[in-house]
Amino acid sequence: MTGTGSEKVINLRAARKAAARDAARRQGDENAAKFGRSKARKCADDDAAGRAARHLDQHLRQPSEPGDE
């Protein structure tokens, strides 16, 4: 039993937990790439939506009242 061919002893529970953490990190990175937006991008999108809504509201025709004719 000399040092030839012997591997490093590993804790299987720790290895399983490390593999699960790595898989969760990979999944999180994939989701961030798919769905993630930075805070600045979210604010910019919200501002653009607000400007578009205001622009549309400014061009609405007011309903005529019965006595205005």
PDB file of N, CA and C in Angstrom:
ATOM      1  N   MET A   1       0.812  -1.171   0.000  1.00  0.00           N
ATOM      2  CA  MET A   1       0.000   0.000   0.000  1.00  0.00           C
ATOM      3  C   MET A   1       0.868   1.252   0.000  1.00  0.00           C
ATOM      4  N   THR A   2       1.622   1.344  -0.981  1.00  0.00           N
ATOM      5  CA  THR A   2       2.395   2.571  -1.117  1.00  0.00           C
ATOM      6  C   THR A   2       1.540   3.607  -1.802  1.00  0.00           C
ATOM      7  N   GLY A   3       2.082   4.768  -2.115  1.00  0.00           N
ATOM      8  CA  GLY A   3       1.331   5.876  -2.661  1.00  0.00           C
ATOM      9  C   GLY A   3       0.948   5.728  -4.126  1.00  0.00           C
ATOM     10  N   THR A   4       1.199   4.654  -4.766  1.00  0.00           N
ATOM     11  CA  THR A   4       0.882   4.520  -6.182  1.00  0.00           C
ATOM     12  C   THR A   4      -0.588   4.206  -6.375  1.00  0.00           C
ATOM     13  N   GLY A   5      -1.235   5.006  -7.188  1.00  0.00           N
ATOM     14  CA  GLY A   5      -2.623   4.744  -7.558  1.00  0.00           C
ATOM     15  C   GLY A   5      -3.644   5.141  -6.520  1.00  0.00           C
ATOM     16  N   SER A   6      -3.231   5.649  -5.381  1.00  0.00           N
ATOM     17  CA  SER A   6      -4.233   6.034  -4.384  1.00  0.00           C
ATOM     18  C   SER A   6      -4.715   7.453  -4.669  1.00  0.00           C
ATOM     19  N   GLU A   7      -5.991   7.641  -4.521  1.00  0.00           N
ATOM     20  CA  GLU A   7      -6.626   8.924  -4.785  1.00  0.00           C
ATOM     21  C   GLU A   7      -6.788   9.686  -3.483  1.00  0.00           C
ATOM     22  N   LYS A   8      -7.106  10.945  -3.596  1.00  0.00           N
ATOM     23  CA  LYS A   8      -7.382  11.762  -2.421  1.00  0.00           C
ATOM     24  C   LYS A   8      -8.744  11.355  -1.863  1.00  0.00           C
ATOM     25  N   VAL A   9      -8.837  11.213  -0.569  1.00  0.00           N
ATOM     26  CA  VAL A   9     -10.088  10.834   0.073  1.00  0.00           C
ATOM     27  C   VAL A   9     -11.004  12.045   0.058  1.00  0.00           C
ATOM     28  N   ILE A  10     -12.259  11.818  -0.406  1.00  0.00           N
ATOM     29  CA  ILE A  10     -13.220  12.912  -0.459  1.00  0.00           C
ATOM     30  C   ILE A  10     -14.455  12.550   0.339  1.00  0.00           C
ATOM     31  N   ASN A  11     -15.093  13.544   0.865  1.00  0.00           N
ATOM     32  CA  ASN A  11     -16.340  13.358   1.580  1.00  0.00           C
ATOM     33  C   ASN A  11     -17.453  13.391   0.528  1.00  0.00           C
ATOM     34  N   LEU A  12     -18.158  12.290   0.369  1.00  0.00           N
ATOM     35  CA  LEU A  12     -19.178  12.204  -0.675  1.00  0.00           C
ATOM     36  C   LEU A  12     -20.328  13.176  -0.441  1.00  0.00           C
ATOM     37  N   ARG A  13     -20.681  13.412   0.812  1.00  0.00           N
ATOM     38  CA  ARG A  13     -21.762  14.359   1.108  1.00  0.00           C
ATOM     39  C   ARG A  13     -21.351  15.768   0.684  1.00  0.00           C
ATOM     40  N   ALA A  14     -20.126  16.139   0.992  1.00  0.00           N
ATOM     41  CA  ALA A  14     -19.643  17.468   0.611  1.00  0.00           C
ATOM     42  C   ALA A  14     -19.534  17.588  -0.912  1.00  0.00           C
ATOM     43  N   ALA A  15     -19.112  16.526  -1.560  1.00  0.00           N
ATOM     44  CA  ALA A  15     -19.002  16.553  -3.016  1.00  0.00           C
ATOM     45  C   ALA A  15     -20.379  16.683  -3.659  1.00  0.00           C
ATOM     46  N   ARG A  16     -21.368  15.985  -3.100  1.00  0.00           N
ATOM     47  CA  ARG A  16     -22.732  16.062  -3.634  1.00  0.00           C
ATOM     48  C   ARG A  16     -23.301  17.470  -3.442  1.00  0.00           C
ATOM     49  N   LYS A  17     -23.066  18.073  -2.270  1.00  0.00           N
ATOM     50  CA  LYS A  17     -23.539  19.429  -2.019  1.00  0.00           C
ATOM     51  C   LYS A  17     -22.844  20.435  -2.933  1.00  0.00           C
ATOM     52  N   ALA A  18     -21.552  20.248  -3.160  1.00  0.00           N
ATOM     53  CA  ALA A  18     -20.809  21.150  -4.050  1.00  0.00           C
ATOM     54  C   ALA A  18     -21.343  21.043  -5.476  1.00  0.00           C
ATOM     55  N   ALA A  19     -21.650  19.820  -5.909  1.00  0.00           N
ATOM     56  CA  ALA A  19     -22.198  19.627  -7.252  1.00  0.00           C
ATOM     57  C   ALA A  19     -23.572  20.286  -7.369  1.00  0.00           C
ATOM     58  N   ALA A  20     -24.387  20.189  -6.316  1.00  0.00           N
ATOM     59  CA  ALA A  20     -25.712  20.818  -6.327  1.00  0.00           C
ATOM     60  C   ALA A  20     -25.576  22.335  -6.366  1.00  0.00           C
ATOM     61  N   ARG A  21     -24.618  22.890  -5.594  1.00  0.00           N
ATOM     62  CA  ARG A  21     -24.394  24.343  -5.618  1.00  0.00           C
ATOM     63  C   ARG A  21     -23.947  24.798  -6.997  1.00  0.00           C
ATOM     64  N   ASP A  22     -23.055  24.030  -7.630  1.00  0.00           N
ATOM     65  CA  ASP A  22     -22.580  24.384  -8.968  1.00  0.00           C
ATOM     66  C   ASP A  22     -23.725  24.355  -9.981  1.00  0.00           C
ATOM     67  N   ALA A  23     -24.599  23.351  -9.870  1.00  0.00           N
ATOM     68  CA  ALA A  23     -25.737  23.248 -10.790  1.00  0.00           C
ATOM     69  C   ALA A  23     -26.693  24.424 -10.578  1.00  0.00           C
ATOM     70  N   ALA A  24     -26.936  24.794  -9.315  1.00  0.00           N
ATOM     71  CA  ALA A  24     -27.824  25.921  -9.034  1.00  0.00           C
ATOM     72  C   ALA A  24     -27.217  27.215  -9.547  1.00  0.00           C
ATOM     73  N   ARG A  25     -25.918  27.375  -9.399  1.00  0.00           N
ATOM     74  CA  ARG A  25     -25.241  28.582  -9.893  1.00  0.00           C
ATOM     75  C   ARG A  25     -25.341  28.655 -11.416  1.00  0.00           C
ATOM     76  N   ARG A  26     -25.139  27.521 -12.081  1.00  0.00           N
ATOM     77  CA  ARG A  26     -25.252  27.482 -13.550  1.00  0.00           C
ATOM     78  C   ARG A  26     -26.661  27.856 -13.988  1.00  0.00           C
ATOM     79  N   GLN A  27     -27.667  27.299 -13.310  1.00  0.00           N
ATOM     80  CA  GLN A  27     -29.062  27.591 -13.642  1.00  0.00           C
ATOM     81  C   GLN A  27     -29.368  29.062 -13.410  1.00  0.00           C
ATOM     82  N   GLY A  28     -28.867  29.617 -12.316  1.00  0.00           N
ATOM     83  CA  GLY A  28     -29.075  31.025 -12.026  1.00  0.00           C
ATOM     84  C   GLY A  28     -28.426  31.927 -13.063  1.00  0.00           C
ATOM     85  N   ASP A  29     -27.238  31.559 -13.505  1.00  0.00           N
ATOM     86  CA  ASP A  29     -26.561  32.346 -14.534  1.00  0.00           C
ATOM     87  C   ASP A  29     -27.324  32.305 -15.853  1.00  0.00           C
ATOM     88  N   GLU A  30     -27.863  31.132 -16.187  1.00  0.00           N
ATOM     89  CA  GLU A  30     -28.660  31.018 -17.415  1.00  0.00           C
ATOM     90  C   GLU A  30     -29.912  31.884 -17.325  1.00  0.00           C
ATOM     91  N   ASN A  31     -30.584  31.868 -16.170  1.00  0.00           N
ATOM     92  CA  ASN A  31     -31.790  32.673 -15.992  1.00  0.00           C
ATOM     93  C   ASN A  31     -31.466  34.161 -16.034  1.00  0.00           C
ATOM     94  N   ALA A  32     -30.334  34.541 -15.458  1.00  0.00           N
ATOM     95  CA  ALA A  32     -29.949  35.946 -15.477  1.00  0.00           C
ATOM     96  C   ALA A  32     -29.687  36.406 -16.905  1.00  0.00           C
ATOM     97  N   ALA A  33     -29.099  35.538 -17.697  1.00  0.00           N
ATOM     98  CA  ALA A  33     -28.839  35.899 -19.091  1.00  0.00           C
ATOM     99  C   ALA A  33     -30.145  36.001 -19.876  1.00  0.00           C
ATOM    100  N   LYS A  34     -31.109  35.136 -19.550  1.00  0.00           N
ATOM    101  CA  LYS A  34     -32.384  35.141 -20.269  1.00  0.00           C
ATOM    102  C   LYS A  34     -33.275  36.290 -19.851  1.00  0.00           C
ATOM    103  N   PHE A  35     -33.467  36.449 -18.538  1.00  0.00           N
ATOM    104  CA  PHE A  35     -34.502  37.333 -18.026  1.00  0.00           C
ATOM    105  C   PHE A  35     -33.974  38.562 -17.301  1.00  0.00           C
ATOM    106  N   GLY A  36     -32.730  38.567 -16.968  1.00  0.00           N
ATOM    107  CA  GLY A  36     -32.198  39.617 -16.112  1.00  0.00           C
ATOM    108  C   GLY A  36     -32.012  40.943 -16.825  1.00  0.00           C
ATOM    109  N   ARG A  37     -32.368  42.001 -16.153  1.00  0.00           N
ATOM    110  CA  ARG A  37     -32.110  43.354 -16.631  1.00  0.00           C
ATOM    111  C   ARG A  37     -31.504  44.118 -15.466  1.00  0.00           C
ATOM    112  N   SER A  38     -30.598  45.001 -15.766  1.00  0.00           N
ATOM    113  CA  SER A  38     -30.003  45.796 -14.705  1.00  0.00           C
ATOM    114  C   SER A  38     -31.034  46.801 -14.190  1.00  0.00           C
ATOM    115  N   LYS A  39     -30.762  47.350 -13.024  1.00  0.00           N
ATOM    116  CA  LYS A  39     -31.679  48.313 -12.433  1.00  0.00           C
ATOM    117  C   LYS A  39     -31.797  49.546 -13.323  1.00  0.00           C
ATOM    118  N   ALA A  40     -30.684  49.972 -13.900  1.00  0.00           N
ATOM    119  CA  ALA A  40     -30.714  51.135 -14.785  1.00  0.00           C
ATOM    120  C   ALA A  40     -31.566  50.853 -16.018  1.00  0.00           C
ATOM    121  N   ARG A  41     -31.467  49.642 -16.546  1.00  0.00           N
ATOM    122  CA  ARG A  41     -32.264  49.288 -17.730  1.00  0.00           C
ATOM    123  C   ARG A  41     -33.757  49.252 -17.392  1.00  0.00           C
ATOM    124  N   LYS A  42     -34.093  48.708 -16.197  1.00  0.00           N
ATOM    125  CA  LYS A  42     -35.496  48.675 -15.781  1.00  0.00           C
ATOM    126  C   LYS A  42     -36.049  50.091 -15.645  1.00  0.00           C
ATOM    127  N   CYS A  43     -35.263  50.986 -15.038  1.00  0.00           N
ATOM    128  CA  CYS A  43     -35.706  52.377 -14.880  1.00  0.00           C
ATOM    129  C   CYS A  43     -35.868  53.050 -16.240  1.00  0.00           C
ATOM    130  N   ALA A  44     -34.941  52.800 -17.143  1.00  0.00           N
ATOM    131  CA  ALA A  44     -35.025  53.402 -18.472  1.00  0.00           C
ATOM    132  C   ALA A  44     -36.261  52.892 -19.214  1.00  0.00           C
ATOM    133  N   ASP A  45     -36.544  51.598 -19.089  1.00  0.00           N
ATOM    134  CA  ASP A  45     -37.733  51.043 -19.741  1.00  0.00           C
ATOM    135  C   ASP A  45     -39.015  51.619 -19.140  1.00  0.00           C
ATOM    136  N   ASP A  46     -39.036  51.776 -17.815  1.00  0.00           N
ATOM    137  CA  ASP A  46     -40.214  52.366 -17.160  1.00  0.00           C
ATOM    138  C   ASP A  46     -40.412  53.818 -17.599  1.00  0.00           C
ATOM    139  N   ASP A  47     -39.317  54.562 -17.698  1.00  0.00           N
ATOM    140  CA  ASP A  47     -39.419  55.955 -18.149  1.00  0.00           C
ATOM    141  C   ASP A  47     -39.925  56.036 -19.587  1.00  0.00           C
ATOM    142  N   ALA A  48     -39.430  55.150 -20.440  1.00  0.00           N
ATOM    143  CA  ALA A  48     -39.864  55.146 -21.835  1.00  0.00           C
ATOM    144  C   ALA A  48     -41.346  54.803 -21.936  1.00  0.00           C
ATOM    145  N   ALA A  49     -41.802  53.855 -21.119  1.00  0.00           N
ATOM    146  CA  ALA A  49     -43.218  53.487 -21.128  1.00  0.00           C
ATOM    147  C   ALA A  49     -44.075  54.656 -20.646  1.00  0.00           C
ATOM    148  N   GLY A  50     -43.599  55.357 -19.629  1.00  0.00           N
ATOM    149  CA  GLY A  50     -44.333  56.524 -19.131  1.00  0.00           C
ATOM    150  C   GLY A  50     -44.417  57.630 -20.166  1.00  0.00           C
ATOM    151  N   ARG A  51     -43.308  57.886 -20.861  1.00  0.00           N
ATOM    152  CA  ARG A  51     -43.311  58.906 -21.912  1.00  0.00           C
ATOM    153  C   ARG A  51     -44.262  58.520 -23.041  1.00  0.00           C
ATOM    154  N   ALA A  52     -44.269  57.252 -23.415  1.00  0.00           N
ATOM    155  CA  ALA A  52     -45.154  56.800 -24.485  1.00  0.00           C
ATOM    156  C   ALA A  52     -46.621  56.943 -24.065  1.00  0.00           C
ATOM    157  N   ALA A  53     -46.923  56.617 -22.813  1.00  0.00           N
ATOM    158  CA  ALA A  53     -48.306  56.737 -22.331  1.00  0.00           C
ATOM    159  C   ALA A  53     -48.743  58.198 -22.303  1.00  0.00           C
ATOM    160  N   ARG A  54     -47.851  59.080 -21.832  1.00  0.00           N
ATOM    161  CA  ARG A  54     -48.196  60.511 -21.809  1.00  0.00           C
ATOM    162  C   ARG A  54     -48.388  61.049 -23.215  1.00  0.00           C
ATOM    163  N   HIS A  55     -47.552  60.619 -24.128  1.00  0.00           N
ATOM    164  CA  HIS A  55     -47.657  61.071 -25.515  1.00  0.00           C
ATOM    165  C   HIS A  55     -48.999  60.631 -26.108  1.00  0.00           C
ATOM    166  N   LEU A  56     -49.376  59.406 -25.837  1.00  0.00           N
ATOM    167  CA  LEU A  56     -50.647  58.897 -26.342  1.00  0.00           C
ATOM    168  C   LEU A  56     -51.819  59.639 -25.705  1.00  0.00           C
ATOM    169  N   ASP A  57     -51.744  59.886 -24.410  1.00  0.00           N
ATOM    170  CA  ASP A  57     -52.827  60.595 -23.723  1.00  0.00           C
ATOM    171  C   ASP A  57     -52.972  62.027 -24.230  1.00  0.00           C
ATOM    172  N   GLN A  58     -51.876  62.646 -24.633  1.00  0.00           N
ATOM    173  CA  GLN A  58     -51.939  64.009 -25.128  1.00  0.00           C
ATOM    174  C   GLN A  58     -52.652  64.087 -26.477  1.00  0.00           C
ATOM    175  N   HIS A  59     -52.711  62.997 -27.184  1.00  0.00           N
ATOM    176  CA  HIS A  59     -53.326  62.999 -28.504  1.00  0.00           C
ATOM    177  C   HIS A  59     -54.737  62.418 -28.520  1.00  0.00           C
ATOM    178  N   LEU A  60     -55.293  62.183 -27.335  1.00  0.00           N
ATOM    179  CA  LEU A  60     -56.662  61.682 -27.272  1.00  0.00           C
ATOM    180  C   LEU A  60     -57.637  62.810 -27.596  1.00  0.00           C
ATOM    181  N   ARG A  61     -58.664  62.496 -28.307  1.00  0.00           N
ATOM    182  CA  ARG A  61     -59.717  63.466 -28.584  1.00  0.00           C
ATOM    183  C   ARG A  61     -60.662  63.465 -27.411  1.00  0.00           C
ATOM    184  N   GLN A  62     -61.023  64.650 -26.970  1.00  0.00           N
ATOM    185  CA  GLN A  62     -61.947  64.781 -25.855  1.00  0.00           C
ATOM    186  C   GLN A  62     -63.368  64.491 -26.349  1.00  0.00           C
ATOM    187  N   PRO A  63     -64.133  63.724 -25.610  1.00  0.00           N
ATOM    188  CA  PRO A  63     -65.523  63.467 -26.036  1.00  0.00           C
ATOM    189  C   PRO A  63     -66.320  64.777 -25.973  1.00  0.00           C
ATOM    190  N   SER A  64     -67.110  64.981 -26.990  1.00  0.00           N
ATOM    191  CA  SER A  64     -67.911  66.214 -27.013  1.00  0.00           C
ATOM    192  C   SER A  64     -69.117  66.065 -26.089  1.00  0.00           C
ATOM    193  N   GLU A  65     -69.417  67.131 -25.399  1.00  0.00           N
ATOM    194  CA  GLU A  65     -70.567  67.114 -24.493  1.00  0.00           C
ATOM    195  C   GLU A  65     -71.812  67.492 -25.282  1.00  0.00           C
ATOM    196  N   PRO A  66     -72.987  67.093 -24.869  1.00  0.00           N
ATOM    197  CA  PRO A  66     -74.216  67.358 -25.624  1.00  0.00           C
ATOM    198  C   PRO A  66     -74.491  68.856 -25.817  1.00  0.00           C
ATOM    199  N   GLY A  67     -74.101  69.730 -24.915  1.00  0.00           N
ATOM    200  CA  GLY A  67     -74.406  71.153 -25.038  1.00  0.00           C
ATOM    201  C   GLY A  67     -73.369  71.925 -25.835  1.00  0.00           C
ATOM    202  N   ASP A  68     -72.278  71.313 -26.310  1.00  0.00           N
ATOM    203  CA  ASP A  68     -71.208  72.019 -27.009  1.00  0.00           C
ATOM    204  C   ASP A  68     -71.480  72.238 -28.494  1.00  0.00           C
ATOM    205  N   GLU A  69     -72.475  71.680 -29.042  1.00  0.00           N
ATOM    206  CA  GLU A  69     -72.687  71.734 -30.487  1.00  0.00           C
ATOM    207  C   GLU A  69     -73.110  73.039 -30.950  1.00  0.00           C
TER     208      GLU A  69
END
